[in-house]
N, C-alpha and C. Protein backbone atom coordinates (compact mmCIF):
# COMPACT_ATOMS: atom_id res chain seq x y z
N MET A 1 8.43 12.68 -22.03
CA MET A 1 9.05 12.68 -20.60
C MET A 1 8.33 13.69 -19.80
N LEU A 2 8.05 13.41 -18.57
CA LEU A 2 7.14 14.13 -17.64
C LEU A 2 8.09 15.07 -16.92
N ASN A 3 7.51 16.06 -16.46
CA ASN A 3 8.16 17.22 -15.64
C ASN A 3 8.77 16.49 -14.42
N LYS A 4 9.99 16.91 -14.00
CA LYS A 4 10.76 16.30 -12.81
C LYS A 4 9.87 16.28 -11.52
N LYS A 5 9.14 17.22 -11.31
CA LYS A 5 8.31 17.28 -10.09
C LYS A 5 7.35 16.27 -10.05
N VAL A 6 6.68 16.22 -11.40
CA VAL A 6 5.47 15.16 -11.40
C VAL A 6 6.08 13.72 -11.31
N SER A 7 7.41 13.54 -12.04
CA SER A 7 8.01 12.19 -11.93
C SER A 7 8.41 11.95 -10.61
N ASP A 8 8.97 12.81 -9.73
CA ASP A 8 9.15 12.51 -8.25
C ASP A 8 8.05 12.25 -7.41
N LEU A 9 6.95 13.02 -7.80
CA LEU A 9 5.69 12.59 -7.01
C LEU A 9 5.16 11.22 -7.38
N LEU A 10 5.29 10.74 -8.55
CA LEU A 10 4.71 9.59 -9.08
C LEU A 10 5.70 8.45 -8.39
N ASN A 11 6.95 8.69 -8.25
CA ASN A 11 7.98 7.68 -7.59
C ASN A 11 7.42 7.54 -6.22
N GLU A 12 7.16 8.77 -5.59
CA GLU A 12 6.80 8.72 -4.17
C GLU A 12 5.47 7.89 -4.17
N GLN A 13 4.56 8.12 -4.91
CA GLN A 13 3.30 7.50 -4.82
C GLN A 13 3.39 5.97 -5.05
N ILE A 14 4.37 5.49 -5.97
CA ILE A 14 4.65 4.06 -6.17
C ILE A 14 4.95 3.47 -4.72
N ASN A 15 5.95 4.17 -3.95
CA ASN A 15 6.43 3.78 -2.81
C ASN A 15 5.19 3.63 -1.67
N LYS A 16 4.31 4.66 -1.70
CA LYS A 16 3.32 4.74 -0.73
C LYS A 16 2.17 3.52 -1.13
N GLU A 17 2.03 3.20 -2.40
CA GLU A 17 1.13 2.24 -2.74
C GLU A 17 1.84 0.77 -2.28
N LEU A 18 3.00 0.61 -2.59
CA LEU A 18 3.59 -0.71 -2.14
C LEU A 18 3.73 -0.77 -0.57
N TYR A 19 3.90 0.34 0.08
CA TYR A 19 3.65 0.23 1.60
C TYR A 19 2.41 -0.05 1.99
N SER A 20 1.51 0.42 1.38
CA SER A 20 0.03 0.18 1.71
C SER A 20 -0.18 -1.19 1.68
N GLY A 21 0.34 -1.90 0.46
CA GLY A 21 0.28 -3.38 0.20
C GLY A 21 0.96 -4.11 1.40
N TYR A 22 2.08 -3.71 1.91
CA TYR A 22 2.57 -4.33 2.89
C TYR A 22 1.79 -4.06 4.28
N LEU A 23 1.28 -2.99 4.42
CA LEU A 23 0.28 -2.81 5.54
C LEU A 23 -0.73 -3.70 5.69
N TYR A 24 -1.37 -3.84 4.42
CA TYR A 24 -2.64 -4.67 4.45
C TYR A 24 -2.20 -6.14 4.52
N LEU A 25 -1.02 -6.49 4.06
CA LEU A 25 -0.67 -7.93 4.24
C LEU A 25 -0.37 -8.15 5.87
N ASP A 26 -0.02 -7.23 6.41
CA ASP A 26 0.35 -7.34 7.89
C ASP A 26 -1.12 -7.61 8.66
N MET A 27 -2.02 -6.68 8.22
CA MET A 27 -3.33 -6.74 8.75
C MET A 27 -3.99 -8.12 8.34
N ASN A 28 -3.81 -8.61 7.10
CA ASN A 28 -4.29 -9.86 6.71
C ASN A 28 -3.73 -10.90 7.65
N ASN A 29 -2.44 -10.79 7.97
CA ASN A 29 -1.85 -11.76 8.90
C ASN A 29 -2.31 -11.84 10.34
N TYR A 30 -2.70 -10.62 10.74
CA TYR A 30 -3.40 -10.52 12.10
C TYR A 30 -4.62 -11.20 12.12
N PHE A 31 -5.54 -11.01 10.98
CA PHE A 31 -6.79 -11.58 11.14
C PHE A 31 -6.60 -13.04 10.77
N ASP A 32 -5.72 -13.59 9.96
CA ASP A 32 -5.55 -14.88 9.80
C ASP A 32 -5.27 -15.72 11.07
N LYS A 33 -4.36 -15.16 11.83
CA LYS A 33 -3.89 -15.85 13.08
C LYS A 33 -5.09 -15.69 14.03
N ARG A 34 -6.08 -14.90 13.84
CA ARG A 34 -7.16 -14.84 14.81
C ARG A 34 -8.33 -15.67 14.33
N GLY A 35 -8.05 -16.46 13.18
CA GLY A 35 -9.07 -17.30 12.66
C GLY A 35 -10.17 -16.47 12.03
N LEU A 36 -10.05 -15.26 11.63
CA LEU A 36 -11.02 -14.50 11.02
C LEU A 36 -10.91 -14.49 9.54
N ALA A 37 -11.34 -15.50 8.86
CA ALA A 37 -10.89 -15.71 7.33
C ALA A 37 -11.48 -14.65 6.48
N GLY A 38 -12.70 -14.28 6.82
CA GLY A 38 -13.35 -13.08 6.05
C GLY A 38 -12.52 -11.93 6.05
N PHE A 39 -12.22 -11.51 7.25
CA PHE A 39 -11.46 -10.00 7.42
C PHE A 39 -9.98 -10.36 6.55
N ALA A 40 -9.40 -11.49 6.98
CA ALA A 40 -8.13 -11.69 6.41
C ALA A 40 -8.32 -11.51 4.81
N ASN A 41 -9.00 -12.33 4.32
CA ASN A 41 -9.44 -12.32 2.81
C ASN A 41 -9.51 -11.02 2.37
N TRP A 42 -10.45 -10.04 3.03
CA TRP A 42 -10.70 -8.65 2.59
C TRP A 42 -9.30 -7.79 2.52
N TYR A 43 -8.37 -8.04 3.59
CA TYR A 43 -7.21 -7.35 3.60
C TYR A 43 -6.16 -7.91 2.49
N MET A 44 -6.17 -9.13 2.12
CA MET A 44 -5.48 -9.78 1.10
C MET A 44 -5.82 -9.09 -0.22
N ILE A 45 -7.11 -8.90 -0.34
CA ILE A 45 -7.56 -8.20 -1.71
C ILE A 45 -7.21 -6.84 -1.62
N GLN A 46 -7.20 -6.15 -0.58
CA GLN A 46 -6.81 -4.76 -0.46
C GLN A 46 -5.25 -4.62 -0.75
N ALA A 47 -4.52 -5.70 -0.21
CA ALA A 47 -2.99 -5.73 -0.52
C ALA A 47 -2.82 -5.83 -1.95
N MET A 48 -3.50 -6.66 -2.58
CA MET A 48 -3.28 -6.90 -4.04
C MET A 48 -3.80 -5.66 -4.88
N GLU A 49 -4.69 -4.92 -4.46
CA GLU A 49 -5.22 -3.78 -4.99
C GLU A 49 -4.15 -2.70 -5.02
N GLU A 50 -3.55 -2.49 -3.92
CA GLU A 50 -2.48 -1.46 -3.65
C GLU A 50 -1.43 -1.84 -4.66
N ARG A 51 -0.91 -3.12 -4.78
CA ARG A 51 0.13 -3.48 -5.70
C ARG A 51 -0.21 -3.15 -7.12
N ASP A 52 -1.36 -3.42 -7.36
CA ASP A 52 -1.89 -3.03 -8.76
C ASP A 52 -1.86 -1.58 -9.03
N HIS A 53 -2.20 -0.76 -8.06
CA HIS A 53 -2.04 0.71 -8.17
C HIS A 53 -0.64 1.11 -8.46
N ALA A 54 0.30 0.44 -7.66
CA ALA A 54 1.76 0.86 -7.87
C ALA A 54 2.21 0.38 -9.30
N MET A 55 1.79 -0.82 -9.78
CA MET A 55 2.15 -1.15 -11.08
C MET A 55 1.67 -0.32 -12.33
N LEU A 56 0.33 0.20 -11.96
CA LEU A 56 -0.14 1.07 -13.16
C LEU A 56 0.65 2.25 -13.12
N ILE A 57 1.06 2.74 -12.06
CA ILE A 57 1.90 4.09 -12.15
C ILE A 57 3.23 3.71 -12.64
N TYR A 58 3.81 2.57 -12.16
CA TYR A 58 5.04 2.05 -12.72
C TYR A 58 5.12 2.04 -14.24
N LYS A 59 4.14 1.34 -14.82
CA LYS A 59 3.97 1.17 -16.23
C LYS A 59 3.82 2.54 -17.10
N TYR A 60 3.06 3.35 -16.34
CA TYR A 60 2.73 4.63 -16.98
C TYR A 60 4.11 5.42 -17.08
N MET A 61 4.84 5.42 -16.02
CA MET A 61 6.14 6.03 -16.13
C MET A 61 6.99 5.39 -17.12
N GLN A 62 7.07 4.05 -17.17
CA GLN A 62 7.88 3.39 -18.29
C GLN A 62 7.40 3.87 -19.64
N ASN A 63 6.13 3.95 -19.91
CA ASN A 63 5.66 4.21 -21.13
C ASN A 63 5.95 5.73 -21.54
N ASN A 64 6.15 6.63 -20.56
CA ASN A 64 6.59 7.98 -20.63
C ASN A 64 8.14 8.23 -20.50
N ASP A 65 8.79 7.31 -20.59
CA ASP A 65 10.33 7.46 -20.46
C ASP A 65 10.78 8.23 -19.16
N CYS A 66 10.08 7.96 -18.12
CA CYS A 66 10.39 8.59 -16.72
C CYS A 66 11.38 7.65 -16.06
N PRO A 67 12.28 8.33 -15.29
CA PRO A 67 13.12 7.55 -14.47
C PRO A 67 12.30 6.97 -13.26
N ILE A 68 12.65 5.66 -12.98
CA ILE A 68 11.78 5.10 -11.89
C ILE A 68 12.78 4.89 -10.84
N VAL A 69 12.43 5.38 -9.54
CA VAL A 69 13.37 5.01 -8.40
C VAL A 69 12.68 4.24 -7.47
N LEU A 70 13.06 2.97 -7.19
CA LEU A 70 12.33 2.12 -6.25
C LEU A 70 13.25 2.28 -4.87
N ASN A 71 12.63 3.01 -4.01
CA ASN A 71 13.18 3.29 -2.70
C ASN A 71 12.79 2.20 -1.77
N ALA A 72 13.29 1.96 -0.64
CA ALA A 72 12.89 0.97 0.42
C ALA A 72 11.56 1.11 0.82
N ILE A 73 10.95 -0.05 0.91
CA ILE A 73 9.53 -0.05 1.57
C ILE A 73 9.60 -0.24 3.06
N ALA A 74 9.06 0.82 3.68
CA ALA A 74 8.89 0.75 5.22
C ALA A 74 8.22 -0.53 5.70
N LYS A 75 8.75 -1.07 6.85
CA LYS A 75 8.01 -2.15 7.45
C LYS A 75 6.99 -1.66 8.27
N PRO A 76 5.67 -2.32 8.26
CA PRO A 76 4.58 -1.90 9.10
C PRO A 76 4.99 -2.11 10.48
N ASP A 77 4.73 -1.08 11.34
CA ASP A 77 5.28 -0.95 12.70
C ASP A 77 4.27 -1.18 13.77
N LYS A 78 2.86 -1.20 13.45
CA LYS A 78 1.93 -1.29 14.35
C LYS A 78 1.77 -2.69 14.80
N LYS A 79 1.63 -2.79 16.25
CA LYS A 79 1.32 -4.23 16.79
C LYS A 79 -0.23 -4.07 17.22
N TYR A 80 -1.06 -4.87 16.81
CA TYR A 80 -2.59 -4.66 17.14
C TYR A 80 -2.79 -5.68 18.28
N THR A 81 -3.75 -5.37 19.19
CA THR A 81 -4.18 -6.17 20.17
C THR A 81 -5.67 -6.40 20.15
N LYS A 82 -6.51 -5.41 19.38
CA LYS A 82 -7.84 -5.63 19.23
C LYS A 82 -8.27 -5.56 17.88
N ASP A 83 -9.35 -6.23 17.47
CA ASP A 83 -9.55 -6.34 16.03
C ASP A 83 -9.95 -4.96 15.54
N MET A 84 -10.60 -4.15 16.41
CA MET A 84 -11.12 -2.85 16.01
C MET A 84 -9.94 -1.93 15.73
N ASP A 85 -8.74 -2.19 16.34
CA ASP A 85 -7.71 -1.35 16.23
C ASP A 85 -7.14 -1.48 14.75
N VAL A 86 -7.22 -2.61 14.29
CA VAL A 86 -6.89 -2.89 12.83
C VAL A 86 -7.78 -2.12 11.94
N LEU A 87 -9.10 -2.29 12.09
CA LEU A 87 -9.97 -1.51 11.32
C LEU A 87 -9.80 -0.05 11.22
N LYS A 88 -9.67 0.44 12.47
CA LYS A 88 -9.38 1.86 12.57
C LYS A 88 -8.01 2.26 11.99
N ALA A 89 -7.04 1.46 12.22
CA ALA A 89 -5.62 1.80 11.43
C ALA A 89 -5.88 1.75 10.00
N GLY A 90 -6.66 0.89 9.45
CA GLY A 90 -6.74 0.68 7.92
C GLY A 90 -7.53 2.04 7.50
N LEU A 91 -8.53 2.48 8.09
CA LEU A 91 -9.24 3.68 7.80
C LEU A 91 -8.41 4.89 7.85
N GLU A 92 -7.58 4.94 9.03
CA GLU A 92 -6.53 6.26 8.94
C GLU A 92 -5.54 6.13 7.96
N HIS A 93 -5.16 4.94 7.42
CA HIS A 93 -4.15 4.92 6.52
C HIS A 93 -4.84 5.29 5.13
N GLU A 94 -5.91 4.79 4.91
CA GLU A 94 -6.66 5.04 3.67
C GLU A 94 -6.83 6.51 3.54
N GLU A 95 -7.34 7.29 4.60
CA GLU A 95 -7.47 8.62 4.58
C GLU A 95 -6.12 9.42 4.28
N TYR A 96 -4.97 8.90 4.88
CA TYR A 96 -3.70 9.60 4.65
C TYR A 96 -3.27 9.34 3.10
N VAL A 97 -3.28 8.09 2.73
CA VAL A 97 -2.87 7.81 1.29
C VAL A 97 -3.64 8.44 0.29
N THR A 98 -4.94 8.64 0.49
CA THR A 98 -5.73 9.19 -0.52
C THR A 98 -5.58 10.83 -0.60
N ALA A 99 -5.18 11.26 0.61
CA ALA A 99 -4.99 12.75 0.72
C ALA A 99 -3.64 13.07 -0.22
């Protein structure tokens, strides 16, 4: 069993990773509607990668008998009007979640 502080941080990270997946799905949807299939596909791949990160942490916690708390995943709230805004938001989010 892991230290409670570590367990809490891992639970928080699971939520961040799943939110990241939601965010990238939203970005995928933006580019799909714009007919930019390459950008849409790239964000779909990023969404799946974030989900995979969450599941790796989730399984690690299960394997170490840690309590898993699945909190609500926030809805992405940005509305994009320019393609570059999406790319900048993606970069900002990666910098935040990596920190």
